Structure formats: C-alpha cells, structure tokens
C-alpha cells in the first residue's frame, strides 16, 4: 500500500468517541476502562460521567 498517495488523496475516517466536556469541566480526565466504557478519572476516584456525580465507576 502506498501511504504517501493515500495521504495525498485523502481518506474517510469514522470515529465514535465519548463526550468529554462534562468530565473536563468538572476537573476530570476523560478516558475509558478495560471494557472501552467511558470513564471520568477524578481526584477522588473514577466516575461514570463527571466528578460531581454520585455514581462511582466500579471495577
């Protein structure tokens, strides 16, 4: 495969990601766990959406 030609001609990429805005606004770091589920890594512990939610992400 000629990667230079591929880059010159462009290509389509489909990305399904998680929305990290709520997590980042609550001083968390957005990421995923070993199952590729969304996790907000907060100073106290991982949460499911943002650092201020009451639901902790259980391992």
Protein backbone atom coordinates (compact mmCIF):
# COMPACT_ATOMS: atom_id res chain seq x y z
CA UNK A 1 0.00 0.00 0.00
CA UNK A 2 1.32 3.44 -0.94
CA UNK A 3 0.72 5.54 2.18
CA UNK A 4 2.01 8.74 0.59
CA UNK A 5 -0.61 8.54 -2.17
CA UNK A 6 -3.29 7.67 0.38
CA UNK A 7 -2.45 10.78 2.40
CA UNK A 8 -2.28 12.98 -0.69
CA UNK A 9 -5.68 11.80 -1.93
CA UNK A 10 -7.31 11.90 1.50
CA UNK A 11 -9.43 9.24 3.12
CA UNK A 12 -12.54 8.89 5.23
CA UNK A 13 -12.34 8.12 8.93
CA UNK A 14 -15.30 7.29 11.14
CA UNK A 15 -14.74 7.84 14.86
CA UNK A 16 -17.19 7.08 17.62
CA UNK A 17 -15.96 8.77 20.74
CA UNK A 18 -17.36 9.82 24.05
CA UNK A 19 -18.39 13.33 25.04
CA UNK A 20 -15.73 14.53 27.48
CA UNK A 21 -16.95 18.10 28.03
CA UNK A 22 -18.81 17.44 31.31
CA UNK A 23 -15.87 15.46 32.68
CA UNK A 24 -13.29 18.09 31.73
CA UNK A 25 -15.40 20.94 33.14
CA UNK A 26 -15.53 19.09 36.48
CA UNK A 27 -11.69 18.87 36.58
CA UNK A 28 -11.63 15.23 35.47
CA UNK A 29 -9.71 13.46 32.76
CA UNK A 30 -11.76 11.65 30.18
CA UNK A 31 -10.83 8.11 29.25
CA UNK A 32 -12.02 4.54 29.02
CA UNK A 33 -11.65 1.40 31.08
CA UNK A 34 -10.54 -2.09 30.04
CA UNK A 35 -14.01 -2.69 28.51
CA UNK A 36 -13.85 0.55 26.47
CA UNK A 37 -16.61 2.08 28.63
CA UNK A 38 -16.40 5.83 29.22
CA UNK A 39 -14.79 6.86 32.50
CA UNK A 40 -14.13 10.26 34.05
CA UNK A 41 -10.93 9.99 36.11
CA UNK A 42 -11.34 12.35 39.07
CA UNK A 43 -9.09 13.23 42.02
CA UNK A 44 -11.13 11.06 44.42
CA UNK A 45 -11.96 8.07 42.16
CA UNK A 46 -13.21 7.21 38.65
CA UNK A 47 -16.79 8.30 37.88
CA UNK A 48 -19.15 7.44 35.04
CA UNK A 49 -19.83 10.96 33.65
CA UNK A 50 -18.23 13.78 35.68
CA UNK A 51 -16.51 14.33 39.01
CA UNK A 52 -19.62 15.72 40.68
CA UNK A 53 -21.88 12.73 40.02
CA UNK A 54 -22.63 10.41 42.91
CA UNK A 55 -22.14 7.26 40.85
CA UNK A 56 -18.61 5.93 41.12
CA UNK A 57 -17.24 3.69 38.38
CA UNK A 58 -16.80 0.26 39.98
CA UNK A 59 -14.10 -2.07 38.70
